[in-house]
Amino acid sequence: MEENLPNRRSVRKRRRFRFGRFFMTLLVFLLLGIAVYSIIQYKAGLELASNIDQPEVDFTGDAMDVKNPSVENILVLGVDSRGEEKSRTDTMMVVSWNKETDQVNVVSFMRDIYAQIPGYKSYKLNTAYYLDGVQLVKDTISSMFGIPIQHYALIDFKSFESLVDIAVPNGVEIDVEKAMSEKIGVTLEPGIQQLNGQELLGYARFRADSEGDFGRVARQQKVMEALKDEILHPKNAMNYPKFAGAIQGYVQSDYSTTEEVKHVLSLAFSGGVEINKLTIPVEKSYSYASYSHAGSVIELDIEKNKQALSEFIGMRVR
């Protein structure tokens, strides 16, 4: 009996070894499967966006501020385009990222701000894109508010709808505060809804109430927060590769692919990103006016708004 004991131990060791080898083999195949799936889905996303005819964008960003080297500002524009050669910006934001603290601050600019547009008359801020594209919007905001802008990202309405449906196919949960339908292309009822891309865009664009453009900007910020939470939810992780592929065609940016991926990952997976939000103009810093060449506008107390923006993003403005 004692002579057989070593043999039994040897059998048990071989069984443990075989189980470990089986587990490692299974893990390797699983990782390979995920890699193949990711590549296929990434290519599918690229294919979806391959027929998008994007206009050329000339853009020269500002240098990093030597007094605030950790703060990078990205101009984000949503374009009200329905195939026209010229269009206006419906959404104008500056996303300010402090690389040292991983703080993300989003500043929304009202489209009806009466803006000093370099090289032109003063018009509504959203006219700058119509006059001369991304660069002129960047130059207008930089000169008015004294902040450097290093990068841009541009998306039109149809591309936004498509990206939402790819990233969050089951919709984004939004508490719709009232019935909405006027001039947004969809009909929304009050209450908690799962909104698809078209509906989410309509919700963000609605302004046919007493709040007007202030309400719309608040909804745009609400949509941005809800969309971020949905995209980063584990249930939507399988959609990341296709989303990453599609974003290459649907979103125009001066970031290279490598920079873009590193940038998004560093923000998304740094322990949860809290997005702080500010709207320009701030309270008690504006009045309404009307001009024959521009229509109804919002006139700003520039210094009050520059000061508020400076404190919000944590950098000294020029």
C-alpha atoms as a PDB file:
ATOM      1  CA  MET A   1       0.000   0.000   0.000  1.00  0.00           C
ATOM      2  CA  GLU A   2       2.743   2.456   0.890  1.00  0.00           C
ATOM      3  CA  GLU A   3       4.526   1.816  -2.395  1.00  0.00           C
ATOM      4  CA  ASN A   4       1.466   3.076  -4.309  1.00  0.00           C
ATOM      5  CA  LEU A   5       1.235   6.437  -2.503  1.00  0.00           C
ATOM      6  CA  PRO A   6       3.843   8.282  -4.627  1.00  0.00           C
ATOM      7  CA  ASN A   7       2.017   7.206  -7.768  1.00  0.00           C
ATOM      8  CA  ARG A   8      -1.264   8.663  -6.490  1.00  0.00           C
ATOM      9  CA  ARG A   9       0.411  11.964  -5.684  1.00  0.00           C
ATOM     10  CA  SER A  10       1.913  11.983  -9.168  1.00  0.00           C
ATOM     11  CA  VAL A  11      -1.518  11.463 -10.728  1.00  0.00           C
ATOM     12  CA  ARG A  12      -3.004  14.332  -8.685  1.00  0.00           C
ATOM     13  CA  LYS A  13      -0.157  16.631  -9.779  1.00  0.00           C
ATOM     14  CA  ARG A  14      -0.676  15.709 -13.414  1.00  0.00           C
ATOM     15  CA  ARG A  15      -4.400  16.391 -13.104  1.00  0.00           C
ATOM     16  CA  ARG A  16      -3.768  19.807 -11.525  1.00  0.00           C
ATOM     17  CA  PHE A  17      -1.254  20.561 -14.272  1.00  0.00           C
ATOM     18  CA  ARG A  18      -3.674  19.564 -17.003  1.00  0.00           C
ATOM     19  CA  PHE A  19      -6.422  21.689 -15.512  1.00  0.00           C
ATOM     20  CA  GLY A  20      -4.104  24.705 -15.366  1.00  0.00           C
ATOM     21  CA  ARG A  21      -3.039  24.149 -18.953  1.00  0.00           C
ATOM     22  CA  PHE A  22      -6.670  23.842 -20.043  1.00  0.00           C
ATOM     23  CA  PHE A  23      -7.547  27.075 -18.239  1.00  0.00           C
ATOM     24  CA  MET A  24      -4.648  28.968 -19.864  1.00  0.00           C
ATOM     25  CA  THR A  25      -5.575  27.617 -23.303  1.00  0.00           C
ATOM     26  CA  LEU A  26      -9.173  28.684 -22.775  1.00  0.00           C
ATOM     27  CA  LEU A  27      -8.047  32.146 -21.677  1.00  0.00           C
ATOM     28  CA  VAL A  28      -5.818  32.532 -24.754  1.00  0.00           C
ATOM     29  CA  PHE A  29      -8.681  31.552 -27.077  1.00  0.00           C
ATOM     30  CA  LEU A  30     -11.021  33.908 -25.261  1.00  0.00           C
ATOM     31  CA  LEU A  31      -8.595  36.813 -25.670  1.00  0.00           C
ATOM     32  CA  LEU A  32      -8.075  35.940 -29.320  1.00  0.00           C
ATOM     33  CA  GLY A  33     -11.822  35.827 -29.800  1.00  0.00           C
ATOM     34  CA  ILE A  34     -12.242  39.246 -28.220  1.00  0.00           C
ATOM     35  CA  ALA A  35      -9.427  40.615 -30.401  1.00  0.00           C
ATOM     36  CA  VAL A  36     -10.971  39.210 -33.592  1.00  0.00           C
ATOM     37  CA  TYR A  37     -14.415  40.481 -32.614  1.00  0.00           C
ATOM     38  CA  SER A  38     -12.984  43.929 -31.851  1.00  0.00           C
ATOM     39  CA  ILE A  39     -11.188  44.115 -35.198  1.00  0.00           C
ATOM     40  CA  ILE A  40     -14.296  43.025 -37.120  1.00  0.00           C
ATOM     41  CA  GLN A  41     -16.498  45.512 -35.270  1.00  0.00           C
ATOM     42  CA  TYR A  42     -13.933  48.304 -35.655  1.00  0.00           C
ATOM     43  CA  LYS A  43     -13.824  47.702 -39.411  1.00  0.00           C
ATOM     44  CA  ALA A  44     -17.632  47.632 -39.497  1.00  0.00           C
ATOM     45  CA  GLY A  45     -17.664  51.034 -37.814  1.00  0.00           C
ATOM     46  CA  LEU A  46     -15.147  52.379 -40.317  1.00  0.00           C
ATOM     47  CA  GLU A  47     -17.277  51.030 -43.166  1.00  0.00           C
ATOM     48  CA  LEU A  48     -20.399  52.741 -41.815  1.00  0.00           C
ATOM     49  CA  ALA A  49     -18.679  56.115 -41.874  1.00  0.00           C
ATOM     50  CA  SER A  50     -16.693  55.557 -45.094  1.00  0.00           C
ATOM     51  CA  ASN A  51     -19.297  57.201 -47.332  1.00  0.00           C
ATOM     52  CA  ILE A  52     -19.391  60.423 -45.293  1.00  0.00           C
ATOM     53  CA  ASP A  53     -18.137  63.310 -47.397  1.00  0.00           C
ATOM     54  CA  GLN A  54     -16.558  65.627 -44.847  1.00  0.00           C
ATOM     55  CA  PRO A  55     -15.483  69.143 -45.859  1.00  0.00           C
ATOM     56  CA  GLU A  56     -11.856  70.117 -45.499  1.00  0.00           C
ATOM     57  CA  VAL A  57     -11.098  71.945 -42.250  1.00  0.00           C
ATOM     58  CA  ASP A  58      -8.192  74.352 -41.939  1.00  0.00           C
ATOM     59  CA  PHE A  59      -7.341  74.770 -38.291  1.00  0.00           C
ATOM     60  CA  THR A  60      -4.428  76.238 -36.383  1.00  0.00           C
ATOM     61  CA  GLY A  61      -4.666  75.802 -32.640  1.00  0.00           C
ATOM     62  CA  ASP A  62      -3.055  77.965 -30.002  1.00  0.00           C
ATOM     63  CA  ALA A  63       0.092  76.949 -28.174  1.00  0.00           C
ATOM     64  CA  MET A  64      -0.268  75.656 -24.630  1.00  0.00           C
ATOM     65  CA  ASP A  65      -0.369  78.473 -22.094  1.00  0.00           C
ATOM     66  CA  VAL A  66       3.022  78.581 -20.351  1.00  0.00           C
ATOM     67  CA  LYS A  67       1.314  79.794 -17.154  1.00  0.00           C
ATOM     68  CA  ASN A  68      -1.201  76.931 -17.282  1.00  0.00           C
ATOM     69  CA  PRO A  69       0.686  74.078 -19.002  1.00  0.00           C
ATOM     70  CA  SER A  70      -1.589  71.356 -17.635  1.00  0.00           C
ATOM     71  CA  VAL A  71      -4.817  72.832 -19.085  1.00  0.00           C
ATOM     72  CA  GLU A  72      -5.825  71.812 -22.627  1.00  0.00           C
ATOM     73  CA  ASN A  73      -8.892  73.349 -24.276  1.00  0.00           C
ATOM     74  CA  ILE A  74     -10.864  71.643 -27.044  1.00  0.00           C
ATOM     75  CA  LEU A  75     -13.492  73.472 -29.122  1.00  0.00           C
ATOM     76  CA  VAL A  76     -16.495  71.182 -29.700  1.00  0.00           C
ATOM     77  CA  LEU A  77     -18.983  72.196 -32.397  1.00  0.00           C
ATOM     78  CA  GLY A  78     -22.319  70.658 -33.357  1.00  0.00           C
ATOM     79  CA  VAL A  79     -23.325  71.823 -36.825  1.00  0.00           C
ATOM     80  CA  ASP A  80     -26.894  72.423 -37.935  1.00  0.00           C
ATOM     81  CA  SER A  81     -26.292  70.881 -41.351  1.00  0.00           C
ATOM     82  CA  ARG A  82     -28.887  69.332 -43.633  1.00  0.00           C
ATOM     83  CA  GLY A  83     -26.685  69.089 -46.714  1.00  0.00           C
ATOM     84  CA  GLU A  84     -26.280  72.816 -47.309  1.00  0.00           C
ATOM     85  CA  GLU A  85     -22.924  74.164 -48.416  1.00  0.00           C
ATOM     86  CA  LYS A  86     -23.063  76.723 -45.590  1.00  0.00           C
ATOM     87  CA  SER A  87     -24.480  76.078 -42.136  1.00  0.00           C
ATOM     88  CA  ARG A  88     -24.380  77.413 -38.589  1.00  0.00           C
ATOM     89  CA  THR A  89     -23.263  75.933 -35.306  1.00  0.00           C
ATOM     90  CA  ASP A  90     -26.118  74.797 -33.082  1.00  0.00           C
ATOM     91  CA  THR A  91     -23.790  73.741 -30.264  1.00  0.00           C
ATOM     92  CA  MET A  92     -20.600  75.519 -29.202  1.00  0.00           C
ATOM     93  CA  MET A  93     -18.602  74.246 -26.241  1.00  0.00           C
ATOM     94  CA  VAL A  94     -15.072  74.423 -24.925  1.00  0.00           C
ATOM     95  CA  VAL A  95     -14.033  71.271 -23.083  1.00  0.00           C
ATOM     96  CA  SER A  96     -11.219  72.211 -20.714  1.00  0.00           C
ATOM     97  CA  TRP A  97      -9.136  69.286 -19.454  1.00  0.00           C
ATOM     98  CA  ASN A  98      -6.688  69.732 -16.596  1.00  0.00           C
ATOM     99  CA  LYS A  99      -4.211  66.895 -17.167  1.00  0.00           C
ATOM    100  CA  GLU A 100      -2.707  67.299 -13.723  1.00  0.00           C
ATOM    101  CA  THR A 101      -5.968  66.861 -11.797  1.00  0.00           C
ATOM    102  CA  ASP A 102      -8.027  64.983 -14.441  1.00  0.00           C
ATOM    103  CA  GLN A 103     -10.673  67.668 -14.007  1.00  0.00           C
ATOM    104  CA  VAL A 104     -13.006  68.140 -16.988  1.00  0.00           C
ATOM    105  CA  ASN A 105     -14.863  71.459 -17.283  1.00  0.00           C
ATOM    106  CA  VAL A 106     -17.363  72.129 -20.072  1.00  0.00           C
ATOM    107  CA  VAL A 107     -18.236  75.699 -21.052  1.00  0.00           C
ATOM    108  CA  SER A 108     -21.317  76.164 -23.276  1.00  0.00           C
ATOM    109  CA  PHE A 109     -21.673  79.350 -25.297  1.00  0.00           C
ATOM    110  CA  MET A 110     -25.113  80.657 -26.238  1.00  0.00           C
ATOM    111  CA  ARG A 111     -25.537  80.874 -29.999  1.00  0.00           C
ATOM    112  CA  ASP A 112     -27.213  84.323 -29.828  1.00  0.00           C
ATOM    113  CA  ILE A 113     -24.258  86.032 -28.112  1.00  0.00           C
ATOM    114  CA  TYR A 114     -23.471  89.271 -29.948  1.00  0.00           C
ATOM    115  CA  ALA A 115     -19.889  88.518 -30.873  1.00  0.00           C
ATOM    116  CA  GLN A 116     -16.977  90.551 -32.134  1.00  0.00           C
ATOM    117  CA  ILE A 117     -16.037  88.361 -35.119  1.00  0.00           C
ATOM    118  CA  PRO A 118     -12.480  89.084 -36.334  1.00  0.00           C
ATOM    119  CA  GLY A 119     -12.495  90.589 -39.829  1.00  0.00           C
ATOM    120  CA  TYR A 120     -16.283  91.000 -39.931  1.00  0.00           C
ATOM    121  CA  LYS A 121     -19.099  93.003 -38.374  1.00  0.00           C
ATOM    122  CA  SER A 122     -20.407  91.855 -35.026  1.00  0.00           C
ATOM    123  CA  TYR A 123     -22.994  89.091 -35.449  1.00  0.00           C
ATOM    124  CA  LYS A 124     -24.478  86.267 -33.437  1.00  0.00           C
ATOM    125  CA  LEU A 125     -21.745  83.871 -32.337  1.00  0.00           C
ATOM    126  CA  ASN A 126     -23.179  80.978 -34.363  1.00  0.00           C
ATOM    127  CA  THR A 127     -22.694  83.036 -37.557  1.00  0.00           C
ATOM    128  CA  ALA A 128     -18.895  82.742 -37.282  1.00  0.00           C
ATOM    129  CA  TYR A 129     -18.961  79.171 -38.593  1.00  0.00           C
ATOM    130  CA  TYR A 130     -21.199  80.231 -41.502  1.00  0.00           C
ATOM    131  CA  LEU A 131     -18.752  82.993 -42.430  1.00  0.00           C
ATOM    132  CA  ASP A 132     -15.494  81.055 -42.327  1.00  0.00           C
ATOM    133  CA  GLY A 133     -15.688  77.718 -40.539  1.00  0.00           C
ATOM    134  CA  VAL A 134     -14.037  76.242 -37.454  1.00  0.00           C
ATOM    135  CA  GLN A 135     -11.027  78.557 -37.405  1.00  0.00           C
ATOM    136  CA  LEU A 136     -13.168  81.691 -37.229  1.00  0.00           C
ATOM    137  CA  VAL A 137     -15.257  80.274 -34.364  1.00  0.00           C
ATOM    138  CA  LYS A 138     -12.056  79.464 -32.510  1.00  0.00           C
ATOM    139  CA  ASP A 139     -10.569  82.919 -33.186  1.00  0.00           C
ATOM    140  CA  THR A 140     -13.797  84.641 -32.104  1.00  0.00           C
ATOM    141  CA  ILE A 141     -14.077  82.788 -28.781  1.00  0.00           C
ATOM    142  CA  SER A 142     -10.346  83.097 -28.056  1.00  0.00           C
ATOM    143  CA  SER A 143     -10.287  86.840 -28.726  1.00  0.00           C
ATOM    144  CA  MET A 144     -13.528  87.599 -26.848  1.00  0.00           C
ATOM    145  CA  PHE A 145     -12.830  85.540 -23.745  1.00  0.00           C
ATOM    146  CA  GLY A 146      -9.045  85.444 -23.655  1.00  0.00           C
ATOM    147  CA  ILE A 147      -8.610  81.654 -23.584  1.00  0.00           C
ATOM    148  CA  PRO A 148      -6.263  79.612 -25.782  1.00  0.00           C
ATOM    149  CA  ILE A 149      -7.855  76.754 -27.730  1.00  0.00           C
ATOM    150  CA  GLN A 150      -5.534  73.961 -28.846  1.00  0.00           C
ATOM    151  CA  HIS A 151      -7.842  71.473 -30.605  1.00  0.00           C
ATOM    152  CA  TYR A 152     -11.288  71.069 -32.162  1.00  0.00           C
ATOM    153  CA  ALA A 153     -13.926  68.386 -32.756  1.00  0.00           C
ATOM    154  CA  LEU A 154     -16.792  68.847 -35.225  1.00  0.00           C
ATOM    155  CA  ILE A 155     -19.931  66.754 -35.740  1.00  0.00           C
ATOM    156  CA  ASP A 156     -23.119  67.312 -37.725  1.00  0.00           C
ATOM    157  CA  PHE A 157     -26.634  66.252 -36.766  1.00  0.00           C
ATOM    158  CA  LYS A 158     -26.883  63.016 -38.767  1.00  0.00           C
ATOM    159  CA  SER A 159     -23.482  61.829 -37.562  1.00  0.00           C
ATOM    160  CA  PHE A 160     -24.472  62.480 -33.946  1.00  0.00           C
ATOM    161  CA  GLU A 161     -27.632  60.405 -34.364  1.00  0.00           C
ATOM    162  CA  SER A 162     -25.669  57.533 -35.920  1.00  0.00           C
ATOM    163  CA  LEU A 163     -22.979  57.501 -33.224  1.00  0.00           C
ATOM    164  CA  VAL A 164     -25.565  57.432 -30.420  1.00  0.00           C
ATOM    165  CA  ASP A 165     -27.338  54.453 -32.023  1.00  0.00           C
ATOM    166  CA  ILE A 166     -24.022  52.595 -32.430  1.00  0.00           C
ATOM    167  CA  ALA A 167     -22.722  53.261 -28.916  1.00  0.00           C
ATOM    168  CA  VAL A 168     -26.034  52.901 -27.058  1.00  0.00           C
ATOM    169  CA  PRO A 169     -28.391  50.824 -29.234  1.00  0.00           C
ATOM    170  CA  ASN A 170     -30.998  50.557 -26.475  1.00  0.00           C
ATOM    171  CA  GLY A 171     -31.210  54.322 -26.091  1.00  0.00           C
ATOM    172  CA  VAL A 172     -30.204  56.902 -23.515  1.00  0.00           C
ATOM    173  CA  GLU A 173     -32.385  57.389 -20.443  1.00  0.00           C
ATOM    174  CA  ILE A 174     -33.617  60.979 -20.180  1.00  0.00           C
ATOM    175  CA  ASP A 175     -36.306  62.492 -17.958  1.00  0.00           C
ATOM    176  CA  VAL A 176     -38.186  64.596 -20.527  1.00  0.00           C
ATOM    177  CA  GLU A 177     -39.618  67.506 -18.570  1.00  0.00           C
ATOM    178  CA  LYS A 178     -42.417  68.510 -20.976  1.00  0.00           C
ATOM    179  CA  ALA A 179     -44.006  67.637 -24.307  1.00  0.00           C
ATOM    180  CA  MET A 180     -41.656  68.619 -27.143  1.00  0.00           C
ATOM    181  CA  SER A 181     -42.130  68.581 -30.898  1.00  0.00           C
ATOM    182  CA  GLU A 182     -41.790  72.041 -32.454  1.00  0.00           C
ATOM    183  CA  LYS A 183     -38.931  72.253 -34.993  1.00  0.00           C
ATOM    184  CA  ILE A 184     -37.040  69.201 -33.682  1.00  0.00           C
ATOM    185  CA  GLY A 185     -38.258  66.504 -36.105  1.00  0.00           C
ATOM    186  CA  VAL A 186     -39.615  64.189 -33.387  1.00  0.00           C
ATOM    187  CA  THR A 187     -42.407  64.145 -30.816  1.00  0.00           C
ATOM    188  CA  LEU A 188     -41.434  63.590 -27.180  1.00  0.00           C
ATOM    189  CA  GLU A 189     -43.798  63.009 -24.272  1.00  0.00           C
ATOM    190  CA  PRO A 190     -43.084  63.956 -20.628  1.00  0.00           C
ATOM    191  CA  GLY A 191     -41.488  61.379 -18.354  1.00  0.00           C
ATOM    192  CA  ILE A 192     -38.498  59.040 -18.274  1.00  0.00           C
ATOM    193  CA  GLN A 193     -37.760  57.863 -21.797  1.00  0.00           C
ATOM    194  CA  GLN A 194     -35.149  55.739 -23.585  1.00  0.00           C
ATOM    195  CA  LEU A 195     -34.217  58.066 -26.446  1.00  0.00           C
ATOM    196  CA  ASN A 196     -32.560  56.907 -29.645  1.00  0.00           C
ATOM    197  CA  GLY A 197     -30.120  59.110 -31.563  1.00  0.00           C
ATOM    198  CA  GLN A 198     -32.732  61.151 -33.425  1.00  0.00           C
ATOM    199  CA  GLU A 199     -34.865  61.644 -30.319  1.00  0.00           C
ATOM    200  CA  LEU A 200     -31.878  62.576 -28.166  1.00  0.00           C
ATOM    201  CA  LEU A 201     -30.805  65.182 -30.704  1.00  0.00           C
ATOM    202  CA  GLY A 202     -34.355  66.569 -30.824  1.00  0.00           C
ATOM    203  CA  TYR A 203     -34.449  66.822 -27.042  1.00  0.00           C
ATOM    204  CA  ALA A 204     -31.118  68.680 -27.008  1.00  0.00           C
ATOM    205  CA  ARG A 205     -32.276  71.110 -29.727  1.00  0.00           C
ATOM    206  CA  PHE A 206     -35.701  72.036 -28.342  1.00  0.00           C
ATOM    207  CA  ARG A 207     -36.122  75.701 -27.407  1.00  0.00           C
ATOM    208  CA  ALA A 208     -39.784  76.496 -28.124  1.00  0.00           C
ATOM    209  CA  ASP A 209     -40.616  77.474 -24.540  1.00  0.00           C
ATOM    210  CA  SER A 210     -40.109  80.373 -22.137  1.00  0.00           C
ATOM    211  CA  GLU A 211     -36.513  79.305 -21.394  1.00  0.00           C
ATOM    212  CA  GLY A 212     -35.508  79.623 -25.042  1.00  0.00           C
ATOM    213  CA  ASP A 213     -31.820  79.132 -25.741  1.00  0.00           C
ATOM    214  CA  PHE A 214     -30.944  78.959 -22.029  1.00  0.00           C
ATOM    215  CA  GLY A 215     -33.122  75.871 -21.700  1.00  0.00           C
ATOM    216  CA  ARG A 216     -31.591  74.335 -24.797  1.00  0.00           C
ATOM    217  CA  VAL A 217     -28.037  74.793 -23.514  1.00  0.00           C
ATOM    218  CA  ALA A 218     -29.048  73.220 -20.183  1.00  0.00           C
ATOM    219  CA  ARG A 219     -30.491  70.230 -22.076  1.00  0.00           C
ATOM    220  CA  GLN A 220     -27.342  69.904 -24.196  1.00  0.00           C
ATOM    221  CA  GLN A 221     -25.298  69.663 -21.009  1.00  0.00           C
ATOM    222  CA  LYS A 222     -27.760  67.158 -19.546  1.00  0.00           C
ATOM    223  CA  VAL A 223     -27.508  65.034 -22.709  1.00  0.00           C
ATOM    224  CA  MET A 224     -23.712  65.112 -22.602  1.00  0.00           C
ATOM    225  CA  GLU A 225     -23.673  63.820 -19.014  1.00  0.00           C
ATOM    226  CA  ALA A 226     -26.278  61.103 -19.671  1.00  0.00           C
ATOM    227  CA  LEU A 227     -24.535  59.970 -22.857  1.00  0.00           C
ATOM    228  CA  LYS A 228     -21.184  59.714 -21.086  1.00  0.00           C
ATOM    229  CA  ASP A 229     -22.721  57.555 -18.332  1.00  0.00           C
ATOM    230  CA  GLU A 230     -24.428  55.240 -20.847  1.00  0.00           C
ATOM    231  CA  ILE A 231     -21.357  54.799 -23.066  1.00  0.00           C
ATOM    232  CA  LEU A 232     -19.164  53.925 -20.075  1.00  0.00           C
ATOM    233  CA  HIS A 233     -21.682  51.462 -18.602  1.00  0.00           C
ATOM    234  CA  PRO A 234     -20.381  47.870 -18.762  1.00  0.00           C
ATOM    235  CA  LYS A 235     -23.508  46.731 -20.634  1.00  0.00           C
ATOM    236  CA  ASN A 236     -22.366  48.781 -23.647  1.00  0.00           C
ATOM    237  CA  ALA A 237     -18.721  47.621 -23.618  1.00  0.00           C
ATOM    238  CA  MET A 238     -19.284  45.311 -26.616  1.00  0.00           C
ATOM    239  CA  ASN A 239     -20.167  48.386 -28.697  1.00  0.00           C
ATOM    240  CA  TYR A 240     -16.829  50.159 -28.103  1.00  0.00           C
ATOM    241  CA  PRO A 241     -14.903  48.756 -31.104  1.00  0.00           C
ATOM    242  CA  LYS A 242     -17.624  49.634 -33.623  1.00  0.00           C
ATOM    243  CA  PHE A 243     -18.045  53.048 -32.013  1.00  0.00           C
ATOM    244  CA  ALA A 244     -14.283  53.661 -32.182  1.00  0.00           C
ATOM    245  CA  GLY A 245     -14.287  52.825 -35.888  1.00  0.00           C
ATOM    246  CA  ALA A 246     -17.317  54.949 -36.711  1.00  0.00           C
ATOM    247  CA  ILE A 247     -16.032  57.963 -34.816  1.00  0.00           C
ATOM    248  CA  GLN A 248     -13.093  58.182 -37.250  1.00  0.00           C
ATOM    249  CA  GLY A 249     -15.498  59.100 -40.052  1.00  0.00           C
ATOM    250  CA  TYR A 250     -18.354  60.781 -38.230  1.00  0.00           C
ATOM    251  CA  VAL A 251     -16.297  63.189 -36.109  1.00  0.00           C
ATOM    252  CA  GLN A 252     -13.764  65.598 -37.590  1.00  0.00           C
ATOM    253  CA  SER A 253     -10.875  66.531 -35.347  1.00  0.00           C
ATOM    254  CA  ASP A 254      -7.260  67.634 -35.535  1.00  0.00           C
ATOM    255  CA  TYR A 255      -6.291  64.801 -33.163  1.00  0.00           C
ATOM    256  CA  SER A 256      -4.499  61.865 -34.754  1.00  0.00           C
ATOM    257  CA  THR A 257      -6.050  58.440 -34.162  1.00  0.00           C
ATOM    258  CA  THR A 258      -3.428  57.530 -31.547  1.00  0.00           C
ATOM    259  CA  GLU A 259      -3.792  60.812 -29.699  1.00  0.00           C
ATOM    260  CA  GLU A 260      -7.567  60.540 -29.822  1.00  0.00           C
ATOM    261  CA  VAL A 261      -7.642  57.051 -28.311  1.00  0.00           C
ATOM    262  CA  LYS A 262      -5.148  57.948 -25.576  1.00  0.00           C
ATOM    263  CA  HIS A 263      -7.070  61.108 -24.784  1.00  0.00           C
ATOM    264  CA  VAL A 264     -10.468  59.409 -24.539  1.00  0.00           C
ATOM    265  CA  LEU A 265      -9.128  56.493 -22.501  1.00  0.00           C
ATOM    266  CA  SER A 266      -7.323  58.738 -20.043  1.00  0.00           C
ATOM    267  CA  LEU A 267     -10.535  60.680 -19.435  1.00  0.00           C
ATOM    268  CA  ALA A 268     -12.925  57.748 -19.429  1.00  0.00           C
ATOM    269  CA  PHE A 269     -10.995  55.340 -17.216  1.00  0.00           C
ATOM    270  CA  SER A 270      -9.385  57.605 -14.647  1.00  0.00           C
ATOM    271  CA  GLY A 271     -11.703  56.456 -11.881  1.00  0.00           C
ATOM    272  CA  GLY A 272     -14.858  58.106 -13.188  1.00  0.00           C
ATOM    273  CA  VAL A 273     -14.975  61.546 -14.703  1.00  0.00           C
ATOM    274  CA  GLU A 274     -17.163  64.220 -13.171  1.00  0.00           C
ATOM    275  CA  ILE A 275     -18.070  66.837 -15.755  1.00  0.00           C
ATOM    276  CA  ASN A 276     -18.452  70.363 -14.386  1.00  0.00           C
ATOM    277  CA  LYS A 277     -20.591  72.699 -16.465  1.00  0.00           C
ATOM    278  CA  LEU A 278     -20.849  76.466 -17.034  1.00  0.00           C
ATOM    279  CA  THR A 279     -22.984  78.496 -19.432  1.00  0.00           C
ATOM    280  CA  ILE A 280     -21.854  81.781 -20.971  1.00  0.00           C
ATOM    281  CA  PRO A 281     -23.337  84.291 -20.329  1.00  0.00           C
ATOM    282  CA  VAL A 282     -23.444  83.847 -16.560  1.00  0.00           C
ATOM    283  CA  GLU A 283     -26.253  85.311 -14.476  1.00  0.00           C
ATOM    284  CA  LYS A 284     -26.589  89.117 -14.272  1.00  0.00           C
ATOM    285  CA  SER A 285     -23.992  89.653 -16.979  1.00  0.00           C
ATOM    286  CA  TYR A 286     -26.059  90.250 -20.098  1.00  0.00           C
ATOM    287  CA  SER A 287     -28.960  92.124 -21.689  1.00  0.00           C
ATOM    288  CA  TYR A 288     -31.078  91.695 -24.814  1.00  0.00           C
ATOM    289  CA  ALA A 289     -30.788  93.900 -27.882  1.00  0.00           C
ATOM    290  CA  SER A 290     -31.755  93.899 -31.563  1.00  0.00           C
ATOM    291  CA  TYR A 291     -29.878  94.935 -34.693  1.00  0.00           C
ATOM    292  CA  SER A 292     -31.113  95.122 -38.275  1.00  0.00           C
ATOM    293  CA  HIS A 293     -28.208  93.018 -39.590  1.00  0.00           C
ATOM    294  CA  ALA A 294     -28.192  90.437 -36.772  1.00  0.00           C
ATOM    295  CA  GLY A 295     -31.698  90.279 -35.286  1.00  0.00           C
ATOM    296  CA  SER A 296     -32.312  89.663 -31.575  1.00  0.00           C
ATOM    297  CA  VAL A 297     -29.050  89.124 -29.700  1.00  0.00           C
ATOM    298  CA  ILE A 298     -27.579  88.746 -26.217  1.00  0.00           C
ATOM    299  CA  GLU A 299     -25.119  91.490 -25.308  1.00  0.00           C
ATOM    300  CA  LEU A 300     -22.532  90.555 -22.707  1.00  0.00           C
ATOM    301  CA  ASP A 301     -20.656  92.234 -19.948  1.00  0.00           C
ATOM    302  CA  ILE A 302     -17.414  90.819 -21.315  1.00  0.00           C
ATOM    303  CA  GLU A 303     -15.311  91.342 -18.194  1.00  0.00           C
ATOM    304  CA  LYS A 304     -17.808  89.590 -15.906  1.00  0.00           C
ATOM    305  CA  ASN A 305     -17.949  86.599 -18.228  1.00  0.00           C
ATOM    306  CA  LYS A 306     -14.184  86.444 -18.697  1.00  0.00           C
ATOM    307  CA  GLN A 307     -13.747  86.451 -14.923  1.00  0.00           C
ATOM    308  CA  ALA A 308     -16.349  83.698 -14.431  1.00  0.00           C
ATOM    309  CA  LEU A 309     -14.761  81.585 -17.145  1.00  0.00           C
ATOM    310  CA  SER A 310     -11.278  82.099 -15.705  1.00  0.00           C
ATOM    311  CA  GLU A 311     -12.373  80.946 -12.245  1.00  0.00           C
ATOM    312  CA  PHE A 312     -14.288  77.984 -13.660  1.00  0.00           C
ATOM    313  CA  ILE A 313     -11.512  76.453 -15.729  1.00  0.00           C
ATOM    314  CA  GLY A 314      -8.786  77.444 -13.283  1.00  0.00           C
ATOM    315  CA  MET A 315      -6.594  79.448 -15.595  1.00  0.00           C
ATOM    316  CA  ARG A 316      -5.830  83.144 -16.006  1.00  0.00           C
ATOM    317  CA  VAL A 317      -7.361  84.586 -19.186  1.00  0.00           C
ATOM    318  CA  ARG A 318      -5.607  87.071 -21.382  1.00  0.00           C
END
